[in-house]
Amino acid sequence: MMGDLEVYIDVQKCIEVARVIKSLNINVDSFTNTEYYPPATDDPIRVASYFFFMVAIDHRTSRPSRRFEGIVCGKYYKGSDLLYRLGMIRYQEDPNFFSADRMEKVTTDEIRRWLSVKKPYYTCIWDPETRALLLRDAARKLNMKYSGNPLKIFEREDVKCWLSRLSEFLAYSDPVAKKSFLLIKFLERRGLIGEVESSQLEVPVDNHLTRIALRVGIVVPNEELMNLIRAGVEVSDEVDILVRLAVRKAFSIVCEHARIRPTHLDDLLWSLGRTCCTKERPVCIYGCNIVGECPTKYIISKCDNTCVFIEVCNAAKYGKSEKIYEHTKINTWYY
């Protein structure tokens, strides 16, 4: 609750969604595809450093009028795929670029040169100044407190301790801990930290997960908040946190009933949000238009070109999917 703005969790709907999840055979990503991530045989500290600094700048890559997309080595990439593809190219050229000593001195111009493409037209990631600032802050504190080794943040087997430590870095200061749980997911999946007890994990909540939660109906804003969302105005940090905390809690209930690890569910939800339940063209209304490789089909194997939640989704039931979407929060480094 925040003034007249409220968001509720529909527990019964969470249980319905959990039943769907339980019926799926979900394949999780190993994060070893060297197109985006370091090889499995590389030095653990070097690999952890790559993930630590890449996740630190893994937030909104595009603006409404300025998409982050382009062709690299003859292949089209967009959004975070392009971010991590450019990250791996830099890692392959100079792995030490992702050391704390180097990152402590990174400049805005370096970010512009690194995170840009020239084909089919020049495009650069937005807010390079902020990303450079986040990287320098992360590197300085990592050197000062952890001898430049991100794995030292995770020496105690206590997720609350990890979250507290990570929150001291500007890049990881989101109260909903989207980047923190994403980093934990990467490091755990790569075997760089021990397996975390499922009850201590949460899904890393971003705009894609929020959109799915609102459309399916596991979270229900009151009329005042829904009007604010429909208006498309940039919401405050407080409203953003209010909504995303509710989304995180709702998916926690889903995970409990589906008996699935939150980080495993996130693989599916994030992919659905980028392929099936997109803001502009939800598959339940426009049909599937994916040509070629589809990451969601890899995750759930069996796919009939419809959304897996179509039978339980409130928005799909009433044909309102394209009219329900996440709140507007573009100017943020939280996600």
Protein backbone atom coordinates (compact mmCIF):
# COMPACT_ATOMS: atom_id res chain seq x y z
CA MET A 1 0.00 0.00 0.00
CA MET A 2 1.25 3.52 -0.81
CA GLY A 3 -1.26 6.30 -0.28
CA ASP A 4 -4.15 5.37 -2.59
CA LEU A 5 -1.98 3.01 -4.63
CA GLU A 6 -2.29 -0.66 -3.74
CA VAL A 7 -1.46 -3.99 -5.32
CA TYR A 8 -2.86 -7.31 -4.18
CA ILE A 9 -1.70 -10.88 -4.64
CA ASP A 10 -4.27 -13.40 -5.90
CA VAL A 11 -3.15 -16.57 -4.12
CA GLN A 12 -5.69 -18.77 -5.91
CA LYS A 13 -4.39 -17.57 -9.26
CA CYS A 14 -0.83 -18.30 -8.07
CA ILE A 15 -1.91 -21.88 -7.38
CA GLU A 16 -3.48 -22.16 -10.85
CA VAL A 17 -0.26 -20.93 -12.45
CA ALA A 18 1.74 -23.35 -10.30
CA ARG A 19 -0.29 -26.27 -11.67
CA VAL A 20 0.68 -25.24 -15.20
CA ILE A 21 4.33 -24.97 -14.20
CA LYS A 22 4.25 -28.46 -12.64
CA SER A 23 3.00 -29.90 -15.93
CA LEU A 24 6.01 -28.55 -17.85
CA ASN A 25 9.39 -30.15 -18.36
CA ILE A 26 11.64 -27.11 -17.97
CA ASN A 27 15.19 -27.23 -19.33
CA VAL A 28 17.43 -24.75 -17.56
CA ASP A 29 20.33 -22.89 -19.14
CA SER A 30 23.87 -23.88 -18.14
CA PHE A 31 25.17 -20.42 -19.15
CA THR A 32 28.15 -21.99 -20.91
CA ASN A 33 27.35 -20.86 -24.46
CA THR A 34 30.58 -19.08 -25.40
CA GLU A 35 28.66 -16.76 -27.69
CA TYR A 36 27.62 -14.96 -24.48
CA TYR A 37 29.53 -16.44 -21.53
CA PRO A 38 33.09 -17.55 -20.69
CA PRO A 39 34.09 -21.19 -21.30
CA ALA A 40 33.42 -23.67 -18.51
CA THR A 41 37.17 -24.36 -18.20
CA ASP A 42 38.25 -20.76 -17.57
CA ASP A 43 39.67 -19.48 -14.29
CA PRO A 44 36.83 -19.21 -11.70
CA ILE A 45 37.77 -15.71 -10.48
CA ARG A 46 38.01 -14.44 -14.06
CA VAL A 47 34.61 -15.94 -14.90
CA ALA A 48 33.01 -14.60 -11.71
CA SER A 49 34.43 -11.16 -12.50
CA TYR A 50 32.88 -11.27 -15.96
CA PHE A 51 29.44 -12.03 -14.52
CA PHE A 52 29.80 -9.54 -11.66
CA PHE A 53 30.59 -6.61 -13.94
CA MET A 54 28.26 -7.61 -16.78
CA VAL A 55 25.25 -7.99 -14.48
CA ALA A 56 26.15 -4.63 -12.91
CA ILE A 57 25.29 -2.96 -16.24
CA ASP A 58 22.56 -5.41 -17.27
CA HIS A 59 19.62 -3.01 -17.17
CA ARG A 60 17.50 -1.23 -19.78
CA THR A 61 19.50 -1.39 -22.99
CA SER A 62 17.05 0.49 -25.21
CA ARG A 63 14.82 3.53 -25.15
CA PRO A 64 11.33 3.66 -26.73
CA SER A 65 12.73 5.50 -29.74
CA ARG A 66 16.23 3.99 -29.70
CA ARG A 67 16.59 0.22 -29.88
CA PHE A 68 19.85 -1.45 -28.94
CA GLU A 69 20.22 -3.86 -31.85
CA GLY A 70 22.59 -4.69 -34.63
CA ILE A 71 24.60 -7.22 -36.58
CA VAL A 72 27.76 -8.73 -35.10
CA CYS A 73 29.83 -11.21 -37.10
CA GLY A 74 26.94 -11.63 -39.54
CA LYS A 75 24.27 -12.35 -36.90
CA TYR A 76 21.49 -10.11 -35.60
CA TYR A 77 21.30 -9.45 -31.83
CA LYS A 78 19.18 -7.16 -29.69
CA GLY A 79 18.84 -6.09 -26.06
CA SER A 80 20.67 -8.16 -23.48
CA ASP A 81 21.71 -10.70 -26.13
CA LEU A 82 23.68 -7.95 -27.84
CA LEU A 83 25.04 -6.73 -24.48
CA TYR A 84 26.44 -10.15 -23.57
CA ARG A 85 27.63 -10.86 -27.12
CA LEU A 86 29.70 -7.67 -27.04
CA GLY A 87 30.80 -8.60 -23.51
CA MET A 88 32.16 -11.94 -24.69
CA ILE A 89 33.92 -10.42 -27.68
CA ARG A 90 35.71 -8.07 -25.29
CA TYR A 91 36.43 -10.94 -22.88
CA GLN A 92 37.95 -13.02 -25.69
CA GLU A 93 40.09 -10.10 -26.82
CA ASP A 94 41.20 -9.07 -23.34
CA PRO A 95 39.96 -11.13 -20.33
CA ASN A 96 41.70 -8.76 -17.92
CA PHE A 97 39.36 -5.99 -19.03
CA PHE A 98 36.91 -7.43 -16.50
CA SER A 99 39.35 -7.19 -13.58
CA ALA A 100 38.56 -4.76 -10.78
CA ASP A 101 41.78 -2.81 -11.45
CA ARG A 102 40.77 -2.16 -15.06
CA MET A 103 37.13 -1.47 -14.32
CA GLU A 104 38.04 1.07 -11.66
CA LYS A 105 39.43 3.26 -14.46
CA VAL A 106 36.82 2.64 -17.16
CA THR A 107 35.60 5.77 -18.95
CA THR A 108 32.38 6.75 -20.66
CA ASP A 109 34.17 6.82 -24.01
CA GLU A 110 35.37 3.24 -23.46
CA ILE A 111 31.77 2.16 -22.82
CA ARG A 112 30.63 3.91 -26.01
CA ARG A 113 33.30 2.19 -28.09
CA TRP A 114 32.71 -1.19 -26.49
CA LEU A 115 28.89 -1.30 -26.38
CA SER A 116 28.07 -0.09 -29.87
CA VAL A 117 27.59 -1.62 -33.31
CA LYS A 118 27.89 -0.17 -36.80
CA LYS A 119 25.60 -2.46 -38.80
CA PRO A 120 23.01 -2.03 -40.21
CA TYR A 121 23.38 1.45 -38.67
CA TYR A 122 25.33 2.89 -35.77
CA THR A 123 23.76 2.30 -32.38
CA CYS A 124 25.16 2.64 -28.88
CA ILE A 125 23.75 1.49 -25.59
CA TRP A 126 21.95 4.31 -23.83
CA ASP A 127 23.29 5.89 -20.62
CA PRO A 128 26.99 4.99 -21.10
CA GLU A 129 27.85 7.60 -18.45
CA THR A 130 25.76 5.76 -15.84
CA ARG A 131 27.15 2.36 -16.78
CA ALA A 132 30.72 3.65 -16.50
CA LEU A 133 29.87 5.10 -13.08
CA LEU A 134 28.35 1.80 -11.91
CA LEU A 135 31.39 -0.15 -13.08
CA ARG A 136 33.87 2.19 -11.40
CA ASP A 137 31.89 2.13 -8.15
CA ALA A 138 31.66 -1.67 -8.24
CA ALA A 139 35.38 -2.04 -8.99
CA ARG A 140 36.50 0.43 -6.33
CA LYS A 141 34.46 -1.27 -3.58
CA LEU A 142 35.42 -4.74 -4.80
CA ASN A 143 39.10 -3.80 -4.53
CA MET A 144 38.63 -2.09 -1.19
CA LYS A 145 36.57 -4.79 0.56
CA TYR A 146 37.18 -8.06 -1.31
CA SER A 147 40.68 -7.77 -2.82
CA GLY A 148 39.16 -7.51 -6.28
CA ASN A 149 37.66 -11.02 -6.06
CA PRO A 150 33.84 -11.14 -6.35
CA LEU A 151 33.73 -14.71 -5.05
CA LYS A 152 34.75 -13.40 -1.62
CA ILE A 153 31.34 -11.72 -1.39
CA PHE A 154 29.85 -15.22 -1.28
CA GLU A 155 32.20 -16.90 1.20
CA ARG A 156 29.49 -17.27 3.88
CA GLU A 157 26.62 -19.60 2.96
CA ASP A 158 23.98 -17.03 3.77
CA VAL A 159 21.90 -15.41 1.03
CA LYS A 160 20.79 -12.57 3.31
CA CYS A 161 24.45 -11.79 3.92
CA TRP A 162 25.13 -11.87 0.16
CA LEU A 163 22.24 -9.50 -0.55
CA SER A 164 23.40 -7.13 2.16
CA ARG A 165 26.94 -7.09 0.82
CA LEU A 166 25.81 -6.64 -2.79
CA SER A 167 23.49 -3.78 -1.85
CA GLU A 168 26.55 -1.71 -0.93
CA PHE A 169 27.40 -1.52 -4.64
CA LEU A 170 25.38 1.11 -6.53
CA ALA A 171 24.69 -1.33 -9.36
CA TYR A 172 23.17 -3.82 -6.93
CA SER A 173 21.29 -1.38 -4.68
CA ASP A 174 17.79 -2.23 -5.98
CA PRO A 175 15.56 -2.98 -2.94
CA VAL A 176 13.92 -5.73 -5.00
CA ALA A 177 17.39 -7.17 -5.73
CA LYS A 178 16.85 -7.99 -9.40
CA LYS A 179 20.53 -7.86 -10.35
CA SER A 180 21.59 -9.57 -7.11
CA PHE A 181 19.40 -12.61 -7.70
CA LEU A 182 20.43 -12.68 -11.37
CA LEU A 183 24.10 -12.73 -10.37
CA ILE A 184 23.44 -15.50 -7.84
CA LYS A 185 21.64 -17.46 -10.57
CA PHE A 186 24.61 -17.16 -12.94
CA LEU A 187 27.22 -18.04 -10.33
CA GLU A 188 25.25 -20.96 -8.90
CA ARG A 189 24.47 -22.40 -12.34
CA ARG A 190 28.15 -22.19 -13.28
CA GLY A 191 29.18 -23.95 -10.06
CA LEU A 192 31.13 -20.93 -8.79
CA ILE A 193 29.13 -20.87 -5.55
CA GLY A 194 27.44 -23.74 -3.75
CA GLU A 195 23.84 -24.68 -4.48
CA VAL A 196 21.55 -22.34 -2.60
CA GLU A 197 18.53 -23.57 -0.67
CA SER A 198 15.50 -22.86 -2.84
CA SER A 199 13.60 -21.13 -0.03
CA GLN A 200 16.31 -18.43 0.11
CA LEU A 201 15.98 -17.51 -3.56
CA GLU A 202 13.64 -15.16 -5.41
CA VAL A 203 13.00 -14.49 -9.09
CA PRO A 204 14.91 -11.46 -10.43
CA VAL A 205 11.96 -9.17 -11.16
CA ASP A 206 12.19 -6.98 -14.24
CA ASN A 207 9.67 -5.54 -16.71
CA HIS A 208 9.10 -8.89 -18.45
CA LEU A 209 8.17 -10.74 -15.25
CA THR A 210 6.02 -7.82 -14.12
CA ARG A 211 4.10 -7.82 -17.42
CA ILE A 212 3.40 -11.56 -17.16
CA ALA A 213 2.29 -11.25 -13.53
CA LEU A 214 -0.14 -8.45 -14.36
CA ARG A 215 -1.58 -10.17 -17.42
CA VAL A 216 -1.98 -13.59 -15.84
CA GLY A 217 -3.48 -11.96 -12.75
CA ILE A 218 -1.32 -13.18 -9.88
CA VAL A 219 -0.95 -9.52 -8.91
CA VAL A 220 -3.88 -7.11 -9.09
CA PRO A 221 -3.37 -3.32 -8.86
CA ASN A 222 -6.23 -1.25 -7.51
CA GLU A 223 -8.01 1.13 -9.86
CA GLU A 224 -5.81 4.12 -9.00
CA LEU A 225 -2.62 2.21 -9.71
CA MET A 226 -4.05 0.59 -12.84
CA ASN A 227 -4.96 4.03 -14.19
CA LEU A 228 -1.39 5.16 -13.56
CA ILE A 229 -0.06 2.12 -15.44
CA ARG A 230 -2.43 2.68 -18.38
CA ALA A 231 -1.45 6.36 -18.58
CA GLY A 232 2.11 5.27 -19.37
CA VAL A 233 3.70 7.96 -17.22
CA GLU A 234 7.06 7.31 -15.61
CA VAL A 235 6.38 6.13 -12.06
CA SER A 236 8.48 6.96 -9.01
CA ASP A 237 11.01 4.56 -7.53
CA GLU A 238 8.60 3.98 -4.65
CA VAL A 239 5.76 2.85 -6.92
CA ASP A 240 8.13 0.72 -9.00
CA ILE A 241 9.38 -1.03 -5.87
CA LEU A 242 5.84 -1.50 -4.55
CA VAL A 243 4.75 -3.30 -7.72
CA ARG A 244 7.88 -5.41 -8.19
CA LEU A 245 7.94 -6.55 -4.55
CA ALA A 246 4.37 -7.78 -4.99
CA VAL A 247 5.38 -9.56 -8.21
CA ARG A 248 8.33 -11.18 -6.44
CA LYS A 249 6.13 -12.38 -3.58
CA ALA A 250 3.48 -13.71 -5.97
CA PHE A 251 6.04 -15.74 -7.93
CA SER A 252 7.45 -16.99 -4.65
CA ILE A 253 4.02 -18.45 -3.91
CA VAL A 254 3.94 -19.97 -7.39
CA CYS A 255 7.35 -21.57 -6.82
CA GLU A 256 6.28 -22.98 -3.46
CA HIS A 257 3.22 -24.67 -4.93
CA ALA A 258 4.95 -25.75 -8.13
CA ARG A 259 7.98 -27.01 -6.17
CA ILE A 260 10.40 -25.29 -8.51
CA ARG A 261 13.47 -23.22 -7.81
CA PRO A 262 12.80 -19.50 -8.41
CA THR A 263 15.92 -19.24 -10.57
CA HIS A 264 14.66 -22.11 -12.76
CA LEU A 265 11.26 -20.50 -13.13
CA ASP A 266 12.98 -17.25 -14.07
CA ASP A 267 14.55 -18.93 -17.11
CA LEU A 268 11.05 -19.64 -18.43
CA LEU A 269 9.41 -16.36 -17.43
CA TRP A 270 12.15 -14.14 -18.83
CA SER A 271 12.12 -15.99 -22.13
CA LEU A 272 8.30 -15.87 -22.33
CA GLY A 273 8.37 -12.13 -21.73
CA ARG A 274 10.76 -11.62 -24.64
CA THR A 275 9.12 -14.01 -27.13
CA CYS A 276 5.48 -14.83 -26.29
CA CYS A 277 4.16 -12.26 -23.83
CA THR A 278 5.73 -9.18 -25.37
CA LYS A 279 4.35 -5.73 -24.68
CA GLU A 280 3.29 -4.94 -28.24
CA ARG A 281 2.44 -8.35 -29.76
CA PRO A 282 1.32 -10.97 -27.21
CA VAL A 283 1.11 -14.36 -28.88
CA CYS A 284 -2.41 -14.99 -27.51
CA ILE A 285 -3.70 -12.21 -29.81
CA TYR A 286 -1.30 -12.05 -32.75
CA GLY A 287 -0.06 -15.64 -32.88
CA CYS A 288 3.54 -16.79 -32.89
CA ASN A 289 5.79 -14.92 -35.31
CA ILE A 290 9.14 -16.35 -34.24
CA VAL A 291 11.21 -17.37 -37.25
CA GLY A 292 14.20 -19.62 -36.67
CA GLU A 293 15.56 -20.34 -33.20
CA CYS A 294 13.18 -19.77 -30.27
CA PRO A 295 14.71 -19.81 -26.77
CA THR A 296 11.34 -20.58 -25.18
CA LYS A 297 10.99 -23.77 -27.23
CA TYR A 298 14.38 -24.87 -25.92
CA ILE A 299 13.27 -24.29 -22.33
CA ILE A 300 9.92 -26.12 -22.47
CA SER A 301 10.63 -28.49 -25.40
CA LYS A 302 6.97 -29.09 -26.27
CA CYS A 303 5.39 -25.95 -27.75
CA ASP A 304 2.24 -25.56 -29.82
CA ASN A 305 2.99 -21.91 -30.67
CA THR A 306 0.73 -20.57 -27.94
CA CYS A 307 1.54 -19.20 -24.50
CA VAL A 308 1.86 -21.88 -21.80
CA PHE A 309 -0.38 -19.80 -19.51
CA ILE A 310 -3.22 -19.27 -21.99
CA GLU A 311 -5.69 -21.44 -20.05
CA VAL A 312 -5.18 -19.57 -16.75
CA CYS A 313 -4.35 -16.05 -17.95
CA ASN A 314 -6.94 -13.41 -17.08
CA ALA A 315 -5.87 -11.06 -19.88
CA ALA A 316 -6.00 -13.80 -22.53
CA LYS A 317 -9.38 -14.97 -21.28
CA TYR A 318 -10.91 -11.54 -21.84
CA GLY A 319 -8.85 -10.64 -24.92
CA LYS A 320 -7.13 -7.76 -23.15
CA SER A 321 -3.48 -8.81 -23.23
CA GLU A 322 -2.31 -5.93 -25.43
CA LYS A 323 -4.12 -3.49 -23.11
CA ILE A 324 -2.39 -4.78 -19.96
CA TYR A 325 1.31 -4.23 -19.55
CA GLU A 326 3.89 -3.28 -16.96
CA HIS A 327 4.19 0.13 -15.38
CA THR A 328 6.50 2.59 -17.11
CA LYS A 329 9.93 2.81 -15.50
CA ILE A 330 12.60 3.57 -18.07
CA ASN A 331 15.05 5.75 -16.14
CA THR A 332 16.47 3.15 -13.81
CA TRP A 333 19.58 1.04 -13.38
CA TYR A 334 17.76 -1.45 -11.14
CA TYR A 335 16.65 -3.60 -14.08
